Amino acid sequence: MPDGKDVNALRALNLVCGVLESQRSDPLCAVCAGFFKTASFAREKFSSISKRPEAISGEMKTMTGRIESILSSLSADEGQGIKQKKAGACRMPEGVCLTKSAIALFEKATS
C-alpha cells in the first residue's frame, strides 16, 4: 500500500486531470498558455510518482489509469497557447485561472 503522501498526490493529480479534461472543451481555456502549463505540471508530477511502483498499489490503479489516459489524450505542446488574460480574452477575475487553480490545490494537498 502506498504511503499517505503518495495517495494524496495521486488523488490531487486526479483532480488536476479532471479539471484539464473538463476545460479542454472550453474555447478559451483549451488554447490558453495556463492550460498547457497545467498539463505539463501534471505530466511531470505523474512521471515522478509512476517511477516508484510502490506508490501505485491495487486501490490506486484505477485512478492511475484514468490519470494516464487523460494525460496521454492532451496535446503536449508545451510553451504553446495564448496568454488569454494579457490578450484581454479571459473574463475571470484578476488572479483567477480555472486550470492553474488546480496546481495550487495539488500543492496544498501535498504539502
N, C-alpha and C. Protein backbone atom coordinates (compact mmCIF):
# COMPACT_ATOMS: atom_id res chain seq x y z
N MET A 1 0.85 -1.19 0.00
CA MET A 1 0.00 0.00 0.00
C MET A 1 0.89 1.24 0.00
N PRO A 2 0.57 2.21 -0.85
CA PRO A 2 1.37 3.43 -0.89
C PRO A 2 1.20 4.22 0.41
N ASP A 3 2.20 5.07 0.70
CA ASP A 3 2.06 5.88 1.91
C ASP A 3 1.06 7.01 1.67
N GLY A 4 0.69 7.67 2.74
CA GLY A 4 -0.33 8.71 2.67
C GLY A 4 0.02 9.84 1.72
N LYS A 5 1.29 10.20 1.66
CA LYS A 5 1.70 11.29 0.77
C LYS A 5 1.48 10.91 -0.70
N ASP A 6 1.81 9.68 -1.05
CA ASP A 6 1.59 9.22 -2.43
C ASP A 6 0.10 9.16 -2.76
N VAL A 7 -0.70 8.69 -1.81
CA VAL A 7 -2.14 8.62 -2.03
C VAL A 7 -2.69 10.02 -2.25
N ASN A 8 -2.29 10.96 -1.40
CA ASN A 8 -2.76 12.35 -1.56
C ASN A 8 -2.31 12.93 -2.89
N ALA A 9 -1.08 12.65 -3.28
CA ALA A 9 -0.58 13.17 -4.56
C ALA A 9 -1.39 12.62 -5.73
N LEU A 10 -1.68 11.33 -5.70
CA LEU A 10 -2.46 10.73 -6.78
C LEU A 10 -3.89 11.26 -6.79
N ARG A 11 -4.49 11.41 -5.63
CA ARG A 11 -5.86 11.94 -5.56
C ARG A 11 -5.90 13.38 -6.08
N ALA A 12 -4.92 14.19 -5.67
CA ALA A 12 -4.88 15.58 -6.13
C ALA A 12 -4.58 15.65 -7.62
N LEU A 13 -3.72 14.77 -8.10
CA LEU A 13 -3.41 14.72 -9.52
C LEU A 13 -4.63 14.29 -10.33
N ASN A 14 -5.43 13.41 -9.78
CA ASN A 14 -6.67 13.01 -10.41
C ASN A 14 -7.59 14.22 -10.58
N LEU A 15 -7.64 15.07 -9.56
CA LEU A 15 -8.44 16.29 -9.65
C LEU A 15 -7.88 17.22 -10.73
N VAL A 16 -6.56 17.41 -10.76
CA VAL A 16 -5.93 18.26 -11.78
C VAL A 16 -6.32 17.75 -13.17
N CYS A 17 -6.24 16.45 -13.36
CA CYS A 17 -6.57 15.87 -14.66
C CYS A 17 -8.06 16.03 -14.99
N GLY A 18 -8.90 15.95 -13.98
CA GLY A 18 -10.33 16.18 -14.18
C GLY A 18 -10.60 17.60 -14.64
N VAL A 19 -9.90 18.56 -14.05
CA VAL A 19 -10.04 19.96 -14.47
C VAL A 19 -9.57 20.11 -15.92
N LEU A 20 -8.44 19.52 -16.24
CA LEU A 20 -7.93 19.59 -17.61
C LEU A 20 -8.91 18.96 -18.60
N GLU A 21 -9.43 17.81 -18.23
CA GLU A 21 -10.38 17.12 -19.10
C GLU A 21 -11.63 17.99 -19.33
N SER A 22 -12.10 18.61 -18.28
CA SER A 22 -13.27 19.48 -18.39
C SER A 22 -12.98 20.73 -19.21
N GLN A 23 -11.86 21.38 -18.93
CA GLN A 23 -11.57 22.67 -19.55
C GLN A 23 -11.07 22.56 -20.99
N ARG A 24 -10.74 21.38 -21.43
CA ARG A 24 -10.30 21.28 -22.83
C ARG A 24 -11.46 21.50 -23.80
N SER A 25 -12.69 21.48 -23.28
CA SER A 25 -13.83 21.80 -24.14
C SER A 25 -14.23 23.27 -24.02
N ASP A 26 -13.55 24.01 -23.17
CA ASP A 26 -13.80 25.44 -23.02
C ASP A 26 -13.01 26.17 -24.12
N PRO A 27 -13.68 26.97 -24.94
CA PRO A 27 -12.98 27.59 -26.07
C PRO A 27 -11.86 28.55 -25.68
N LEU A 28 -11.89 29.10 -24.49
CA LEU A 28 -10.81 29.99 -24.06
C LEU A 28 -9.71 29.21 -23.35
N CYS A 29 -10.09 28.36 -22.41
CA CYS A 29 -9.09 27.61 -21.65
C CYS A 29 -8.27 26.65 -22.52
N ALA A 30 -8.92 26.01 -23.46
CA ALA A 30 -8.26 24.96 -24.24
C ALA A 30 -7.09 25.48 -25.07
N VAL A 31 -7.06 26.76 -25.35
CA VAL A 31 -5.96 27.33 -26.15
C VAL A 31 -5.09 28.28 -25.33
N CYS A 32 -5.30 28.28 -24.01
CA CYS A 32 -4.59 29.20 -23.13
C CYS A 32 -3.25 28.63 -22.68
N ALA A 33 -2.29 29.50 -22.52
CA ALA A 33 -0.98 29.08 -22.02
C ALA A 33 -1.09 28.44 -20.64
N GLY A 34 -2.03 28.91 -19.82
CA GLY A 34 -2.22 28.32 -18.49
C GLY A 34 -2.66 26.87 -18.55
N PHE A 35 -3.43 26.51 -19.55
CA PHE A 35 -3.86 25.13 -19.75
C PHE A 35 -2.65 24.25 -20.04
N PHE A 36 -1.79 24.71 -20.94
CA PHE A 36 -0.60 23.93 -21.30
C PHE A 36 0.37 23.84 -20.13
N LYS A 37 0.46 24.91 -19.33
CA LYS A 37 1.32 24.89 -18.15
C LYS A 37 0.81 23.85 -17.15
N THR A 38 -0.49 23.81 -16.95
CA THR A 38 -1.07 22.86 -16.02
C THR A 38 -0.90 21.42 -16.52
N ALA A 39 -1.08 21.20 -17.81
CA ALA A 39 -0.88 19.86 -18.38
C ALA A 39 0.57 19.41 -18.21
N SER A 40 1.50 20.31 -18.43
CA SER A 40 2.92 19.98 -18.26
C SER A 40 3.23 19.66 -16.80
N PHE A 41 2.66 20.44 -15.89
CA PHE A 41 2.82 20.21 -14.46
C PHE A 41 2.32 18.81 -14.10
N ALA A 42 1.13 18.47 -14.58
CA ALA A 42 0.54 17.16 -14.27
C ALA A 42 1.39 16.03 -14.83
N ARG A 43 1.89 16.19 -16.04
CA ARG A 43 2.75 15.14 -16.63
C ARG A 43 4.01 14.94 -15.79
N GLU A 44 4.61 16.04 -15.38
CA GLU A 44 5.84 15.98 -14.58
C GLU A 44 5.58 15.27 -13.25
N LYS A 45 4.51 15.63 -12.58
CA LYS A 45 4.19 15.01 -11.28
C LYS A 45 3.87 13.53 -11.46
N PHE A 46 3.10 13.20 -12.48
CA PHE A 46 2.75 11.80 -12.70
C PHE A 46 3.98 10.98 -13.05
N SER A 47 4.85 11.54 -13.85
CA SER A 47 6.08 10.83 -14.20
C SER A 47 6.91 10.54 -12.95
N SER A 48 6.99 11.50 -12.06
CA SER A 48 7.74 11.32 -10.83
C SER A 48 7.14 10.23 -9.95
N ILE A 49 5.82 10.23 -9.82
CA ILE A 49 5.15 9.23 -9.00
C ILE A 49 5.24 7.84 -9.63
N SER A 50 5.04 7.77 -10.94
CA SER A 50 5.00 6.45 -11.59
C SER A 50 6.36 5.77 -11.67
N LYS A 51 7.44 6.50 -11.39
CA LYS A 51 8.77 5.88 -11.35
C LYS A 51 8.95 5.03 -10.10
N ARG A 52 8.03 5.21 -9.15
CA ARG A 52 8.08 4.46 -7.90
C ARG A 52 6.88 3.50 -7.86
N PRO A 53 7.05 2.27 -8.32
CA PRO A 53 5.93 1.32 -8.40
C PRO A 53 5.20 1.13 -7.06
N GLU A 54 5.91 1.27 -5.96
CA GLU A 54 5.27 1.10 -4.65
C GLU A 54 4.24 2.20 -4.36
N ALA A 55 4.32 3.30 -5.11
CA ALA A 55 3.38 4.40 -4.93
C ALA A 55 2.01 4.09 -5.53
N ILE A 56 1.98 3.09 -6.41
CA ILE A 56 0.74 2.76 -7.10
C ILE A 56 0.37 1.32 -6.78
N SER A 57 -0.54 1.16 -5.85
CA SER A 57 -0.96 -0.20 -5.49
C SER A 57 -2.38 -0.43 -5.99
N GLY A 58 -2.91 -1.59 -5.64
CA GLY A 58 -4.22 -2.02 -6.11
C GLY A 58 -5.31 -0.98 -6.08
N GLU A 59 -5.52 -0.38 -4.92
CA GLU A 59 -6.63 0.57 -4.79
C GLU A 59 -6.44 1.83 -5.62
N MET A 60 -5.21 2.14 -6.00
CA MET A 60 -4.94 3.36 -6.75
C MET A 60 -4.78 3.11 -8.26
N LYS A 61 -4.79 1.85 -8.66
CA LYS A 61 -4.53 1.53 -10.07
C LYS A 61 -5.60 2.06 -11.02
N THR A 62 -6.86 2.00 -10.63
CA THR A 62 -7.91 2.53 -11.50
C THR A 62 -7.75 4.02 -11.68
N MET A 63 -7.50 4.72 -10.59
CA MET A 63 -7.30 6.16 -10.65
C MET A 63 -6.06 6.50 -11.48
N THR A 64 -5.01 5.72 -11.28
CA THR A 64 -3.78 5.94 -12.03
C THR A 64 -4.02 5.75 -13.53
N GLY A 65 -4.81 4.75 -13.88
CA GLY A 65 -5.15 4.51 -15.28
C GLY A 65 -5.91 5.68 -15.87
N ARG A 66 -6.82 6.25 -15.10
CA ARG A 66 -7.58 7.42 -15.56
C ARG A 66 -6.64 8.61 -15.78
N ILE A 67 -5.74 8.85 -14.83
CA ILE A 67 -4.78 9.94 -14.95
C ILE A 67 -3.96 9.77 -16.21
N GLU A 68 -3.44 8.58 -16.40
CA GLU A 68 -2.60 8.28 -17.56
C GLU A 68 -3.38 8.49 -18.87
N SER A 69 -4.62 8.05 -18.89
CA SER A 69 -5.45 8.19 -20.08
C SER A 69 -5.70 9.66 -20.42
N ILE A 70 -6.03 10.44 -19.43
CA ILE A 70 -6.27 11.87 -19.67
C ILE A 70 -5.00 12.56 -20.15
N LEU A 71 -3.89 12.31 -19.46
CA LEU A 71 -2.64 12.97 -19.85
C LEU A 71 -2.21 12.59 -21.26
N SER A 72 -2.41 11.33 -21.63
CA SER A 72 -1.99 10.92 -22.97
C SER A 72 -2.90 11.50 -24.05
N SER A 73 -4.10 11.89 -23.67
CA SER A 73 -5.03 12.45 -24.66
C SER A 73 -4.86 13.95 -24.87
N LEU A 74 -4.06 14.58 -24.01
CA LEU A 74 -3.85 16.03 -24.12
C LEU A 74 -2.67 16.33 -25.02
N SER A 75 -2.76 17.45 -25.71
CA SER A 75 -1.66 17.89 -26.55
C SER A 75 -0.44 18.17 -25.67
N ALA A 76 0.72 17.84 -26.17
CA ALA A 76 1.96 18.04 -25.42
C ALA A 76 2.69 19.29 -25.87
N ASP A 77 1.98 20.24 -26.42
CA ASP A 77 2.61 21.43 -26.98
C ASP A 77 2.96 22.46 -25.91
N GLU A 78 3.94 22.09 -25.07
CA GLU A 78 4.43 22.97 -24.01
C GLU A 78 4.91 24.28 -24.62
N GLY A 79 4.61 25.36 -23.96
CA GLY A 79 5.04 26.66 -24.43
C GLY A 79 4.10 27.26 -25.45
N GLN A 80 3.10 26.48 -25.84
CA GLN A 80 2.12 26.98 -26.77
C GLN A 80 0.98 27.62 -26.02
N GLY A 81 0.12 28.22 -26.73
CA GLY A 81 -1.07 28.78 -26.13
C GLY A 81 -1.03 30.29 -26.08
N ILE A 82 -2.20 30.84 -25.93
CA ILE A 82 -2.37 32.28 -25.88
C ILE A 82 -2.49 32.68 -24.43
N LYS A 83 -1.82 33.71 -24.04
CA LYS A 83 -1.98 34.24 -22.68
C LYS A 83 -3.27 35.04 -22.68
N GLN A 84 -4.36 34.33 -22.38
CA GLN A 84 -5.70 34.89 -22.52
C GLN A 84 -5.92 36.15 -21.67
N LYS A 85 -5.37 36.20 -20.47
CA LYS A 85 -5.53 37.39 -19.63
C LYS A 85 -4.89 38.60 -20.30
N LYS A 86 -3.65 38.42 -20.74
CA LYS A 86 -2.93 39.53 -21.38
C LYS A 86 -3.58 39.93 -22.70
N ALA A 87 -4.20 38.97 -23.37
CA ALA A 87 -4.86 39.25 -24.64
C ALA A 87 -6.23 39.91 -24.42
N GLY A 88 -6.68 39.94 -23.16
CA GLY A 88 -7.97 40.53 -22.86
C GLY A 88 -9.15 39.63 -23.14
N ALA A 89 -8.89 38.35 -23.40
CA ALA A 89 -9.97 37.42 -23.76
C ALA A 89 -10.57 36.73 -22.54
N CYS A 90 -9.78 36.51 -21.51
CA CYS A 90 -10.27 35.80 -20.32
C CYS A 90 -11.10 36.76 -19.48
N ARG A 91 -12.25 36.31 -19.06
CA ARG A 91 -13.15 37.15 -18.26
C ARG A 91 -13.12 36.79 -16.78
N MET A 92 -12.24 35.87 -16.40
CA MET A 92 -12.12 35.53 -14.98
C MET A 92 -11.51 36.73 -14.25
N PRO A 93 -11.85 36.88 -12.96
CA PRO A 93 -11.27 37.99 -12.19
C PRO A 93 -9.74 37.89 -12.14
N GLU A 94 -9.11 39.01 -11.90
CA GLU A 94 -7.65 39.05 -11.78
C GLU A 94 -7.20 38.03 -10.74
N GLY A 95 -6.18 37.27 -11.07
CA GLY A 95 -5.64 36.28 -10.15
C GLY A 95 -6.38 34.95 -10.16
N VAL A 96 -7.39 34.80 -11.00
CA VAL A 96 -8.14 33.54 -11.07
C VAL A 96 -7.92 32.90 -12.43
N CYS A 97 -7.44 31.67 -12.39
CA CYS A 97 -7.30 30.86 -13.60
C CYS A 97 -7.85 29.49 -13.26
N LEU A 98 -8.85 29.05 -13.99
CA LEU A 98 -9.50 27.78 -13.68
C LEU A 98 -8.52 26.61 -13.72
N THR A 99 -7.68 26.56 -14.73
CA THR A 99 -6.78 25.41 -14.81
C THR A 99 -5.61 25.52 -13.84
N LYS A 100 -5.02 26.70 -13.72
CA LYS A 100 -3.88 26.84 -12.81
C LYS A 100 -4.29 26.75 -11.35
N SER A 101 -5.56 26.98 -11.05
CA SER A 101 -6.01 26.83 -9.66
C SER A 101 -5.87 25.37 -9.21
N ALA A 102 -5.93 24.44 -10.15
CA ALA A 102 -5.75 23.03 -9.81
C ALA A 102 -4.32 22.76 -9.34
N ILE A 103 -3.35 23.49 -9.89
CA ILE A 103 -1.96 23.34 -9.43
C ILE A 103 -1.86 23.76 -7.97
N ALA A 104 -2.47 24.90 -7.64
CA ALA A 104 -2.44 25.39 -6.26
C ALA A 104 -3.06 24.38 -5.31
N LEU A 105 -4.16 23.77 -5.71
CA LEU A 105 -4.81 22.77 -4.87
C LEU A 105 -3.91 21.55 -4.70
N PHE A 106 -3.26 21.10 -5.79
CA PHE A 106 -2.33 19.97 -5.70
C PHE A 106 -1.24 20.29 -4.69
N GLU A 107 -0.65 21.47 -4.79
CA GLU A 107 0.46 21.83 -3.90
C GLU A 107 -0.01 21.90 -2.45
N LYS A 108 -1.20 22.39 -2.23
CA LYS A 108 -1.72 22.46 -0.86
C LYS A 108 -1.99 21.04 -0.32
N ALA A 109 -2.53 20.19 -1.15
CA ALA A 109 -2.85 18.82 -0.73
C ALA A 109 -1.61 17.97 -0.48
N THR A 110 -0.50 18.33 -1.07
CA THR A 110 0.70 17.51 -0.95
C THR A 110 1.79 18.16 -0.09
N SER A 111 1.47 19.28 0.53
CA SER A 111 2.50 19.94 1.35
C SER A 111 2.57 19.36 2.75
